[in-house]
C-alpha atoms as a PDB file:
ATOM      1  CA  MET A   1     -18.187  11.389 -49.575  1.00  0.00           C
ATOM      2  CA  VAL A   2     -15.713  13.099 -51.961  1.00  0.00           C
ATOM      3  CA  HIS A   3     -15.448  16.918 -51.521  1.00  0.00           C
ATOM      4  CA  LEU A   4     -12.977  19.826 -52.049  1.00  0.00           C
ATOM      5  CA  ARG A   5     -10.750  20.187 -48.999  1.00  0.00           C
ATOM      6  CA  GLN A   6     -10.991  23.107 -46.711  1.00  0.00           C
ATOM      7  CA  GLY A   7      -8.713  26.129 -47.267  1.00  0.00           C
ATOM      8  CA  LEU A   8      -9.207  26.474 -51.050  1.00  0.00           C
ATOM      9  CA  SER A   9     -10.604  29.475 -52.838  1.00  0.00           C
ATOM     10  CA  ILE A  10     -12.677  28.906 -55.978  1.00  0.00           C
ATOM     11  CA  VAL A  11     -12.947  31.481 -58.699  1.00  0.00           C
ATOM     12  CA  GLU A  12     -15.221  31.088 -61.674  1.00  0.00           C
ATOM     13  CA  VAL A  13     -13.705  31.805 -65.154  1.00  0.00           C
ATOM     14  CA  ASP A  14     -15.172  31.588 -68.638  1.00  0.00           C
ATOM     15  CA  ASP A  15     -14.374  27.914 -69.192  1.00  0.00           C
ATOM     16  CA  GLY A  16     -14.516  26.410 -65.699  1.00  0.00           C
ATOM     17  CA  LYS A  17     -13.208  27.336 -62.329  1.00  0.00           C
ATOM     18  CA  VAL A  18      -9.794  28.009 -60.871  1.00  0.00           C
ATOM     19  CA  VAL A  19      -9.031  26.426 -57.501  1.00  0.00           C
ATOM     20  CA  LEU A  20      -6.526  28.435 -55.477  1.00  0.00           C
ATOM     21  CA  ASP A  21      -4.451  27.087 -52.643  1.00  0.00           C
ATOM     22  CA  THR A  22      -3.221  30.360 -51.139  1.00  0.00           C
ATOM     23  CA  ARG A  23      -1.301  28.518 -48.391  1.00  0.00           C
ATOM     24  CA  ARG A  24       0.919  26.678 -50.905  1.00  0.00           C
ATOM     25  CA  GLY A  25       0.709  29.415 -53.560  1.00  0.00           C
ATOM     26  CA  VAL A  26      -0.528  27.159 -56.385  1.00  0.00           C
ATOM     27  CA  TYR A  27      -3.685  26.916 -58.489  1.00  0.00           C
ATOM     28  CA  TRP A  28      -5.424  24.482 -60.751  1.00  0.00           C
ATOM     29  CA  HIS A  29      -7.736  25.158 -63.552  1.00  0.00           C
ATOM     30  CA  LEU A  30     -10.727  22.706 -63.646  1.00  0.00           C
ATOM     31  CA  ASN A  31     -12.941  22.513 -66.639  1.00  0.00           C
ATOM     32  CA  ARG A  32     -16.738  22.480 -66.155  1.00  0.00           C
ATOM     33  CA  THR A  33     -16.960  18.735 -66.260  1.00  0.00           C
ATOM     34  CA  ALA A  34     -14.329  18.302 -63.575  1.00  0.00           C
ATOM     35  CA  ILE A  35     -15.802  20.801 -61.223  1.00  0.00           C
ATOM     36  CA  THR A  36     -19.314  19.448 -61.785  1.00  0.00           C
ATOM     37  CA  VAL A  37     -18.110  15.968 -60.891  1.00  0.00           C
ATOM     38  CA  VAL A  38     -16.457  17.201 -57.680  1.00  0.00           C
ATOM     39  CA  GLU A  39     -19.466  19.384 -56.714  1.00  0.00           C
ATOM     40  CA  GLU A  40     -22.042  16.736 -57.403  1.00  0.00           C
ATOM     41  CA  LEU A  41     -20.069  14.062 -55.396  1.00  0.00           C
ATOM     42  CA  GLY A  42     -19.758  16.680 -52.627  1.00  0.00           C
ATOM     43  CA  ARG A  43     -23.521  16.962 -52.541  1.00  0.00           C
ATOM     44  CA  GLY A  44     -23.793  13.210 -51.984  1.00  0.00           C
ATOM     45  CA  ARG A  45     -24.577  12.193 -55.557  1.00  0.00           C
ATOM     46  CA  ALA A  46     -23.611   8.565 -56.356  1.00  0.00           C
ATOM     47  CA  PHE A  47     -20.586   8.244 -58.690  1.00  0.00           C
ATOM     48  CA  ASP A  48     -22.346   5.578 -60.855  1.00  0.00           C
ATOM     49  CA  ASP A  49     -25.413   7.813 -61.301  1.00  0.00           C
ATOM     50  CA  LEU A  50     -23.187  10.706 -62.326  1.00  0.00           C
ATOM     51  CA  ILE A  51     -21.296   8.564 -64.835  1.00  0.00           C
ATOM     52  CA  ARG A  52     -24.559   7.284 -66.416  1.00  0.00           C
ATOM     53  CA  GLU A  53     -25.763  10.889 -66.817  1.00  0.00           C
ATOM     54  CA  ILE A  54     -22.532  11.948 -68.523  1.00  0.00           C
ATOM     55  CA  VAL A  55     -22.815   8.878 -70.859  1.00  0.00           C
ATOM     56  CA  ARG A  56     -26.450   9.786 -71.686  1.00  0.00           C
ATOM     57  CA  GLU A  57     -25.533  13.466 -72.369  1.00  0.00           C
ATOM     58  CA  THR A  58     -22.450  12.734 -74.440  1.00  0.00           C
ATOM     59  CA  GLY A  59     -23.001   9.294 -75.993  1.00  0.00           C
ATOM     60  CA  ALA A  60     -19.456   8.372 -74.896  1.00  0.00           C
ATOM     61  CA  ASP A  61     -18.473   4.812 -73.931  1.00  0.00           C
ATOM     62  CA  GLU A  62     -19.383   4.152 -70.315  1.00  0.00           C
ATOM     63  CA  ASP A  63     -16.228   2.280 -69.512  1.00  0.00           C
ATOM     64  CA  ARG A  64     -14.169   5.082 -70.880  1.00  0.00           C
ATOM     65  CA  VAL A  65     -16.075   7.788 -69.005  1.00  0.00           C
ATOM     66  CA  ARG A  66     -15.786   5.747 -65.809  1.00  0.00           C
ATOM     67  CA  SER A  67     -12.031   5.236 -66.101  1.00  0.00           C
ATOM     68  CA  ASP A  68     -11.424   8.853 -67.119  1.00  0.00           C
ATOM     69  CA  HIS A  69     -13.338  10.149 -64.148  1.00  0.00           C
ATOM     70  CA  LEU A  70     -11.673   7.718 -61.673  1.00  0.00           C
ATOM     71  CA  ALA A  71      -8.325   8.999 -63.043  1.00  0.00           C
ATOM     72  CA  LEU A  72      -9.475  12.559 -62.605  1.00  0.00           C
ATOM     73  CA  LEU A  73     -10.408  11.927 -58.910  1.00  0.00           C
ATOM     74  CA  ASP A  74      -7.097  10.186 -58.367  1.00  0.00           C
ATOM     75  CA  GLU A  75      -5.203  13.170 -59.815  1.00  0.00           C
ATOM     76  CA  LEU A  76      -7.214  15.612 -57.706  1.00  0.00           C
ATOM     77  CA  ARG A  77      -6.537  13.546 -54.630  1.00  0.00           C
ATOM     78  CA  ARG A  78      -2.787  13.511 -55.346  1.00  0.00           C
ATOM     79  CA  ALA A  79      -2.831  17.271 -55.801  1.00  0.00           C
ATOM     80  CA  LYS A  80      -4.537  17.450 -52.342  1.00  0.00           C
ATOM     81  CA  LEU A  81      -7.599  19.176 -53.779  1.00  0.00           C
ATOM     82  CA  ILE A  82     -10.137  16.622 -52.648  1.00  0.00           C
ATOM     83  CA  GLU A  83     -10.699  14.507 -49.633  1.00  0.00           C
ATOM     84  CA  GLY A  84     -12.980  11.562 -48.885  1.00  0.00           C
ATOM     85  CA  LYS A  85     -13.918   8.411 -50.692  1.00  0.00           C
ATOM     86  CA  LEU A  86     -16.528   7.248 -53.097  1.00  0.00           C
ATOM     87  CA  PRO A  87     -19.462   5.596 -51.385  1.00  0.00           C
END
């Protein structure tokens, strides 16, 4: 299961959330879609189900939505914000 790693502080702002890594002294701003994806995956929701919902809500191309969100997860993993794997 993908989830935010331990030791991060999350602060809600007008257009998303800010994830603070106080140990390293850095922060990232995640828009509402990005934080929703991470939170839903952390609750055990299937990635494919989440992608289909985003496609239904936005009318965007499913392949594009999937590749964009896989890239997002890869970027968050490289930044050491998330841990775990997609089921």
